Protein backbone atom coordinates (compact mmCIF):
# COMPACT_ATOMS: atom_id res chain seq x y z
CA MET A 1 124.10 103.13 103.41
CA ALA A 2 125.31 101.28 106.93
CA ASN A 3 128.62 101.05 105.64
CA ASP A 4 131.10 101.09 102.39
CA LYS A 5 130.33 97.63 101.59
CA LYS A 6 127.55 97.54 98.93
CA ILE A 7 124.17 96.21 99.62
CA ASN A 8 122.52 94.03 96.91
CA ILE A 9 119.13 93.01 97.59
CA LEU A 10 116.88 90.40 95.45
CA VAL A 11 113.49 91.63 95.14
CA VAL A 12 110.49 89.10 94.36
CA SER A 13 107.43 90.41 93.25
CA ASP A 14 103.82 89.90 91.17
CA PRO A 15 104.74 91.31 87.73
CA PRO A 16 104.78 95.00 87.75
CA VAL A 17 102.19 95.21 84.76
CA ALA A 18 98.90 97.18 83.80
CA PRO A 19 96.77 97.97 85.46
CA GLY A 20 98.36 97.81 88.64
CA TYR A 21 102.33 98.62 87.92
CA LEU A 22 103.06 98.87 91.69
CA PRO A 23 103.97 102.11 92.29
CA ARG A 24 105.14 101.18 95.57
CA LEU A 25 107.50 98.58 94.63
CA ARG A 26 109.01 100.45 91.76
CA TYR A 27 109.40 103.80 93.55
CA LEU A 28 111.93 101.51 96.29
CA CYS A 29 113.95 100.33 93.95
CA ASP A 30 114.29 104.04 92.08
CA TYR A 31 115.19 105.03 95.45
CA LEU A 32 117.65 102.23 96.78
CA MET A 33 119.41 102.41 93.33
CA ARG A 34 119.96 106.09 93.93
CA LYS A 35 121.05 105.48 97.39
CA GLY A 36 123.88 102.86 96.07
CA TYR A 37 122.21 99.84 96.62
CA GLY A 38 122.12 96.91 94.28
CA VAL A 39 118.65 95.73 93.39
CA THR A 40 117.81 92.74 90.61
CA LEU A 41 113.63 92.18 90.10
CA LEU A 42 112.83 88.98 89.84
CA THR A 43 109.49 88.60 88.98
CA GLU A 44 106.92 86.57 86.74
CA GLN A 45 106.60 86.54 82.49
CA ASP A 46 103.34 88.40 81.86
CA GLY A 47 102.65 91.58 79.65
CA PRO A 48 105.18 94.38 78.79
CA LEU A 49 107.62 96.24 81.28
CA ASP A 50 106.78 99.60 79.87
CA PHE A 51 108.38 101.91 82.10
CA ALA A 52 111.74 103.34 82.75
CA HIS A 53 114.21 101.72 85.33
CA ASP A 54 117.74 100.92 85.75
CA TYR A 55 117.90 98.15 87.66
CA PRO A 56 117.83 94.63 86.15
CA ILE A 57 114.69 92.67 86.07
CA VAL A 58 114.34 88.76 85.60
CA THR A 59 110.85 87.12 83.86
CA ILE A 60 110.44 84.07 84.69
CA PRO A 61 107.79 82.26 82.29
CA MET A 62 105.40 80.25 83.93
CA TYR A 63 102.26 79.95 81.79
CA SER A 64 101.49 79.37 77.95
CA GLY A 65 98.85 81.87 77.34
CA SER A 66 96.22 78.59 76.75
CA THR A 67 93.13 78.72 78.77
CA PHE A 68 93.71 74.65 79.78
CA ASP A 69 97.41 75.34 80.42
CA TRP A 70 96.33 78.36 83.11
CA PHE A 71 93.15 75.83 84.36
CA ALA A 72 95.34 72.96 85.06
CA LYS A 73 98.41 74.82 86.25
CA THR A 74 95.62 76.51 88.96
CA VAL A 75 93.98 73.01 89.87
CA CYS A 76 98.00 72.04 90.66
CA THR A 77 98.48 75.78 92.46
CA LEU A 78 95.20 74.53 94.94
CA LEU A 79 96.56 70.66 95.33
CA THR A 80 100.58 71.19 95.47
CA ASP A 81 101.63 74.91 95.51
CA TRP A 82 102.57 74.67 92.05
CA HIS A 83 102.84 78.19 91.25
CA ASN A 84 105.79 79.40 94.17
CA ARG A 85 107.28 75.95 93.90
CA VAL A 86 108.12 75.98 90.51
CA PHE A 87 108.29 79.81 90.38
CA ALA A 88 111.49 78.95 93.17
CA GLN A 89 112.78 75.95 91.32
CA ARG A 90 112.89 78.38 88.04
CA ALA A 91 114.36 81.38 89.64
CA ILE A 92 117.20 79.16 91.56
CA THR A 93 117.82 77.79 88.16
CA HIS A 94 118.76 81.21 87.29
CA LEU A 95 120.39 82.17 90.40
CA GLN A 96 122.82 79.25 90.11
CA ALA A 97 123.33 79.71 86.31
CA ALA A 98 124.46 83.03 87.61
CA SER A 99 126.64 81.75 89.82
CA ASP A 100 128.79 79.14 87.87
CA LYS A 101 129.14 82.50 85.51
CA ARG A 102 130.71 84.24 87.76
CA GLN A 103 132.59 81.24 89.18
CA SER A 104 131.60 81.76 92.72
CA PRO A 105 129.08 80.05 94.94
CA ILE A 106 128.68 82.99 97.04
CA SER A 107 125.43 85.21 96.83
CA PRO A 108 125.53 88.34 95.79
CA TYR A 109 122.61 88.85 97.51
CA SER A 110 122.21 90.26 100.96
CA LEU A 111 118.39 89.99 101.54
CA VAL A 112 115.41 88.98 99.73
CA LEU A 113 112.43 91.58 99.82
CA CYS A 114 109.25 89.83 98.73
CA THR A 115 106.32 92.33 97.84
CA ALA A 116 102.86 90.85 97.75
CA PHE A 117 99.24 91.13 97.75
CA SER A 118 98.82 87.08 97.84
CA ASP A 119 100.39 84.13 98.38
CA PHE A 120 102.28 84.10 95.56
CA PRO A 121 105.01 84.98 95.33
CA LEU A 122 105.66 84.74 99.18
CA GLY A 123 106.03 80.99 98.99
CA ALA A 124 108.72 81.47 96.40
CA GLY A 125 110.33 84.25 98.14
CA LEU A 126 111.14 82.12 101.71
CA ARG A 127 112.21 79.18 99.22
CA ILE A 128 114.42 81.51 97.49
CA ALA A 129 116.04 82.94 100.45
CA GLU A 130 116.34 79.72 102.21
CA TYR A 131 118.46 78.93 99.20
CA LEU A 132 120.54 82.17 99.37
CA GLY A 133 120.80 81.66 103.37
CA VAL A 134 120.04 85.25 103.42
CA PRO A 135 117.02 86.90 105.63
CA LEU A 136 113.79 87.21 104.47
CA LEU A 137 111.35 90.70 104.14
CA CYS A 138 107.92 90.34 103.45
CA ASP A 139 106.16 93.10 102.23
CA ILE A 140 102.76 92.59 102.24
CA ARG A 141 100.09 95.38 100.49
CA ASP A 142 96.95 93.25 100.92
CA LEU A 143 95.43 90.80 102.39
CA ASP A 144 92.05 88.44 101.80
CA GLU A 145 90.70 89.23 105.16
CA GLN A 146 90.41 93.17 104.48
CA VAL A 147 87.31 92.87 102.30
CA ASP A 148 84.70 89.99 102.79
CA ASN A 149 84.95 87.37 100.45
CA SER A 150 87.88 88.66 98.80
CA ARG A 151 85.38 90.75 96.12
CA TYR A 152 88.25 92.93 95.46
CA GLN A 153 90.29 90.40 93.70
CA TYR A 154 87.28 87.60 92.33
CA ARG A 155 84.37 89.02 90.82
CA HIS A 156 82.55 86.03 90.05
CA GLN A 157 79.52 85.52 91.98
CA ALA A 158 77.78 82.13 91.02
CA TRP A 159 77.57 79.45 93.60
CA TRP A 160 79.88 77.09 92.66
CA LEU A 161 82.56 79.75 91.42
CA MET A 162 82.53 80.96 95.13
CA LEU A 163 82.58 77.63 96.89
CA GLY A 164 85.92 76.95 95.10
CA ARG A 165 86.88 80.45 95.81
CA ARG A 166 86.55 79.75 99.72
CA LEU A 167 88.42 76.32 99.43
CA TYR A 168 91.33 78.60 97.27
CA ARG A 169 91.09 81.27 100.01
CA ALA A 170 91.50 79.36 102.93
CA ILE A 171 94.44 77.12 101.19
CA HIS A 172 96.03 80.11 100.67
CA ILE A 173 95.51 81.86 104.05
CA ARG A 174 97.27 78.65 105.24
CA ARG A 175 100.02 78.84 103.18
CA ARG A 176 100.36 82.76 103.41
CA ASN A 177 100.43 82.49 107.74
CA ASN A 178 102.68 79.68 107.11
CA VAL A 179 105.44 82.06 105.26
CA LEU A 180 104.84 84.93 107.48
CA ARG A 181 105.53 83.17 110.81
CA ARG A 182 108.87 82.17 109.25
CA ALA A 183 109.58 85.63 107.68
CA ASN A 184 112.21 87.62 109.33
CA ILE A 185 110.81 91.00 109.09
CA ILE A 186 107.40 92.10 107.45
CA THR A 187 106.11 95.65 106.55
CA THR A 188 102.81 96.40 105.61
CA VAL A 189 100.67 99.45 104.49
CA SER A 190 98.00 100.33 107.43
CA PRO A 191 97.49 100.17 111.14
CA TRP A 192 94.53 97.66 110.55
CA HIS A 193 97.17 95.26 108.76
CA LEU A 194 99.84 96.24 111.03
CA ASP A 195 97.97 94.43 114.38
CA PHE A 196 96.30 91.80 112.01
CA ILE A 197 99.75 90.51 110.79
CA LYS A 198 101.33 91.01 114.39
CA ARG A 199 99.24 87.74 115.33
CA TYR A 200 101.73 85.79 113.19
CA ASN A 201 104.68 87.57 113.66
CA ALA A 202 105.44 90.64 115.88
CA ASN A 203 108.43 91.76 114.14
CA THR A 204 106.19 93.65 111.83
CA HIS A 205 106.35 97.54 111.01
CA LEU A 206 103.99 99.85 109.14
CA VAL A 207 105.40 101.74 105.78
CA TYR A 208 102.45 103.55 104.39
CA ASN A 209 102.02 103.81 100.28
CA GLY A 210 102.63 107.42 100.11
CA TYR A 211 102.29 109.54 97.01
CA ASP A 212 105.47 110.31 94.49
CA GLU A 213 106.22 113.88 95.58
CA ALA A 214 107.59 114.14 91.50
CA GLN A 215 103.84 113.56 90.24
CA PHE A 216 101.59 114.66 93.19
CA TYR A 217 102.44 118.40 94.34
CA PRO A 218 100.36 121.70 95.07
CA GLN A 219 99.84 124.44 92.12
CA ASP A 220 97.09 126.64 92.28
CA CYS A 221 95.15 126.02 89.09
CA GLN A 222 92.07 128.38 88.35
CA SER A 223 89.54 127.12 86.72
CA GLY A 224 85.93 128.25 85.33
CA HIS A 225 84.31 125.26 86.76
CA PHE A 226 83.97 124.17 90.04
CA THR A 227 84.61 120.32 89.67
CA ILE A 228 84.28 117.51 92.23
CA ARG A 229 86.39 114.45 90.61
CA TYR A 230 86.34 110.79 90.96
CA ILE A 231 89.29 108.64 89.76
CA GLY A 232 89.24 104.80 89.83
CA SER A 233 87.27 101.59 89.39
CA LEU A 234 83.75 102.07 90.52
CA PHE A 235 81.92 98.78 91.94
CA ASP A 236 78.21 97.70 92.61
CA TRP A 237 78.55 98.26 96.12
CA GLN A 238 79.97 101.95 95.69
CA GLN A 239 76.81 103.16 93.44
CA SER A 240 74.87 104.08 96.83
CA ALA A 241 77.82 106.22 97.86
CA MET A 242 77.95 107.65 94.70
CA GLN A 243 74.15 108.41 94.76
CA THR A 244 74.44 110.01 98.24
CA VAL A 245 77.25 112.47 96.95
CA GLN A 246 75.14 113.20 93.60
CA GLN A 247 71.96 113.95 96.05
CA ALA A 248 73.97 116.78 98.18
CA ILE A 249 75.78 118.22 95.16
CA GLN A 250 71.94 118.55 93.40
CA GLU A 251 70.50 119.59 97.08
CA THR A 252 73.18 122.29 97.40
CA ARG A 253 71.44 124.26 94.08
CA LEU A 254 75.07 124.85 93.17
CA PRO A 255 76.38 124.43 89.73
CA ILE A 256 79.08 121.95 90.37
CA ASP A 257 80.61 119.57 87.82
CA LEU A 258 80.79 115.93 88.94
CA ASP A 259 83.71 114.31 86.84
CA ILE A 260 83.95 110.41 87.18
CA HIS A 261 86.45 108.66 85.68
CA THR A 262 86.70 104.94 85.15
CA PRO A 263 89.55 102.55 83.76
CA ARG A 264 86.94 101.51 81.05
CA LYS A 265 84.69 104.61 80.20
CA GLU A 266 87.02 107.82 81.01
CA PRO A 267 90.41 106.42 81.49
CA ILE A 268 93.51 109.22 82.41
CA ALA A 269 96.99 108.39 81.58
CA HIS A 270 98.78 107.49 84.72
CA ASN A 271 101.41 110.43 83.85
CA GLN A 272 98.32 112.71 83.43
CA LEU A 273 96.78 111.79 87.03
CA GLY A 274 98.88 115.09 88.94
CA ASP A 275 97.60 117.42 86.50
CA ALA A 276 93.73 116.08 86.40
CA ILE A 277 94.06 116.39 90.46
CA ARG A 278 95.96 120.15 90.64
CA HIS A 279 92.63 120.82 88.11
CA SER A 280 89.83 119.66 90.33
CA ASP A 281 88.23 121.02 93.12
CA ALA A 282 88.03 118.40 95.64
CA MET A 283 88.31 114.78 94.77
CA LEU A 284 86.17 111.81 95.90
CA VAL A 285 87.04 109.03 97.61
CA LEU A 286 84.25 106.15 97.74
CA THR A 287 85.19 103.60 100.79
CA ASN A 288 82.83 100.36 102.20
CA PRO A 289 83.40 100.50 106.00
CA LYS A 290 82.62 96.76 105.47
CA THR A 291 86.69 96.41 104.43
CA HIS A 292 90.00 97.14 107.01
CA GLY A 293 92.93 98.77 106.22
CA MET A 294 91.61 100.03 102.95
CA LEU A 295 94.23 103.58 101.91
CA THR A 296 93.52 104.24 98.45
CA THR A 297 96.32 105.34 96.63
CA LYS A 298 93.93 108.05 95.52
CA PHE A 299 93.81 109.70 99.14
CA TYR A 300 97.29 109.56 98.90
CA GLU A 301 97.84 111.26 95.77
CA ALA A 302 95.30 114.05 96.78
CA LEU A 303 96.95 114.87 99.72
CA GLY A 304 100.19 115.40 97.60
CA CYS A 305 98.32 117.49 95.50
CA ASP A 306 96.66 119.63 98.42
CA LYS A 307 93.49 119.11 97.39
CA PRO A 308 90.36 118.29 99.50
CA ILE A 309 89.31 114.82 99.91
CA ILE A 310 85.92 113.92 100.16
CA CYS A 311 85.42 110.36 101.57
CA VAL A 312 82.03 108.76 101.67
CA PRO A 313 81.16 106.59 103.35
CA SER A 314 83.24 107.01 106.39
CA ASP A 315 85.37 103.73 106.77
CA HIS A 316 85.63 104.95 110.72
CA GLY A 317 88.67 103.25 110.50
CA ALA A 318 92.45 104.22 109.32
CA LEU A 319 91.38 106.22 106.21
CA ALA A 320 88.87 108.70 108.28
CA GLN A 321 91.96 108.66 110.76
CA LEU A 322 94.50 109.91 108.38
CA ILE A 323 92.24 112.32 106.83
CA ASP A 324 91.49 114.05 110.23
CA TYR A 325 95.55 113.53 111.46
CA THR A 326 96.51 115.63 107.99
CA ASN A 327 93.39 118.07 108.32
CA ALA A 328 93.04 116.86 104.44
CA GLY A 329 89.35 116.83 104.11
CA ILE A 330 86.21 114.75 105.60
CA ALA A 331 85.53 111.29 105.71
CA THR A 332 81.10 111.13 106.79
CA ASP A 333 78.10 109.40 106.53
CA ASP A 334 76.20 112.39 107.03
CA LYS A 335 74.52 113.89 103.81
CA GLU A 336 74.12 117.28 105.72
CA GLN A 337 77.20 117.65 106.70
CA LEU A 338 78.70 116.70 103.01
CA LYS A 339 76.41 119.55 101.65
CA ALA A 340 77.86 122.12 104.04
CA PHE A 341 81.56 121.24 103.43
CA ILE A 342 81.07 121.38 99.43
CA THR A 343 79.49 124.79 100.02
CA ALA A 344 81.90 125.83 102.02
CA LEU A 345 84.48 124.51 99.14
CA TYR A 346 82.54 126.59 96.42
CA SER A 347 82.88 129.67 98.57
CA GLU A 348 86.39 129.41 98.66
CA TRP A 349 86.80 128.54 94.58
CA GLU A 350 84.22 131.96 93.66
CA ARG A 351 86.59 133.95 96.04
CA GLN A 352 89.92 132.73 94.45
CA GLY A 353 88.99 130.56 91.66
CA PHE A 354 90.44 127.57 93.33
CA THR A 355 90.78 125.37 96.52
CA ARG A 356 93.72 124.58 98.28
CA ARG A 357 93.53 122.68 101.73
CA ASN A 358 96.88 123.55 103.25
CA THR A 359 97.30 120.08 104.81
CA LEU A 360 99.20 118.62 108.07
CA HIS A 361 102.21 116.31 107.78
CA ARG A 362 101.72 115.79 103.85
CA GLU A 363 105.72 115.48 103.75
CA GLU A 364 105.44 112.49 106.23
CA PHE A 365 103.51 110.34 103.20
CA SER A 366 105.74 110.80 100.46
CA ARG A 367 107.11 108.07 98.59
CA GLU A 368 110.63 109.28 99.57
CA ALA A 369 110.02 109.38 103.23
CA GLN A 370 108.59 106.05 103.30
CA SER A 371 111.33 104.84 100.90
CA GLN A 372 113.26 106.20 103.88
CA THR A 373 111.47 104.02 106.32
CA MET A 374 112.12 100.89 104.30
CA GLU A 375 115.55 101.82 103.61
CA GLN A 376 116.15 101.78 107.62
CA ILE A 377 114.06 98.61 108.22
CA ILE A 378 116.60 96.68 105.86
CA ILE A 379 119.90 98.36 107.09
CA ASN A 380 118.11 96.79 111.00
CA THR A 381 117.72 93.84 109.49
CA LEU A 382 120.82 93.11 108.18
CA SER A 383 122.59 94.32 111.39
CA GLN A 384 120.41 91.67 113.49
CA TRP A 385 121.03 89.03 110.84
CA THR A 386 124.69 89.53 110.95
CA ASN A 387 124.76 89.61 114.71
CA LYS A 388 122.76 86.49 115.11
CA ASN A 389 125.20 84.61 112.70
CA TYR A 390 128.33 86.15 114.66
CA ALA A 391 126.73 84.66 118.09
CA ASN A 392 126.53 81.44 116.27
């Protein structure tokens, strides 16, 4: 740390539960704890927190579980920002009780780090930071504008649901942007997100997601079959890309297995993902060129294992650029180019029984490296905050 005084950080987050588990957040919390920081995670109560952690987690109940309760509070959120407002009130009540117990009015926290993919809990994080009198660091993982009609988060296509969603989306974006303008500093996950958010707050920085180096590492695993593996959800708009891959494999006339694992049909436990990738000969990533800044976790995980990446179609953006920068594989719309790449990989597998990409700059994208970047941002933020208060 920058000095001998312990820095305590209050992390405000959406719930780190299935299916997302928020690995970016959890790794950062673990990293900061190892470096001697104090970390408290404040989140909404929503399912079991079935992962190991050495930091306290405070969960705030918000919903009773009934459909009527959820619907009524969703309407209230639309009209009055109920979710952020009440969560912040309940969190502040908890912090006040903790202060009374310590018999000290002084906040034990030096900074609020609020991580989110939506306007919740950004609004709550701002209220809590203002109550504590500390700087707010917003870590933005996703933006509504990165995908047309936010189809990743909202799959309902009925016209009346879409109309309501557009209204909610517009309100959400306005509330989110209000927080972004008032945040002391912002971090985000891709160059596209960086450029987009800088229109609201110039003090925005890039911190990639990365891979967990304890689980995703290179190891040469020989196999009896050449396997191209896909792990992840398979949306309707990805079917065309999958068909292109299947046709390319058929036209090579090689005995290639295309192994598809989706969360519902063929799930792979999170702690087995590393082995599944290492026992693959290529990892398939399906993209949508209409999206922006979508650097899927599966790219980083394959990169960590030094496994060739087949990205179809090319996003012609941040992902294709990273694949080129790291020499991790191919991002293409061309079936003939795809067939040539697969055939070359098959020849490599025939020679040695496995494939190995020998990627470039791989260590730059480990979660350890990205957490170091985040730590330096925290240190700089606290230094600027202290200097500003001292000047005043």
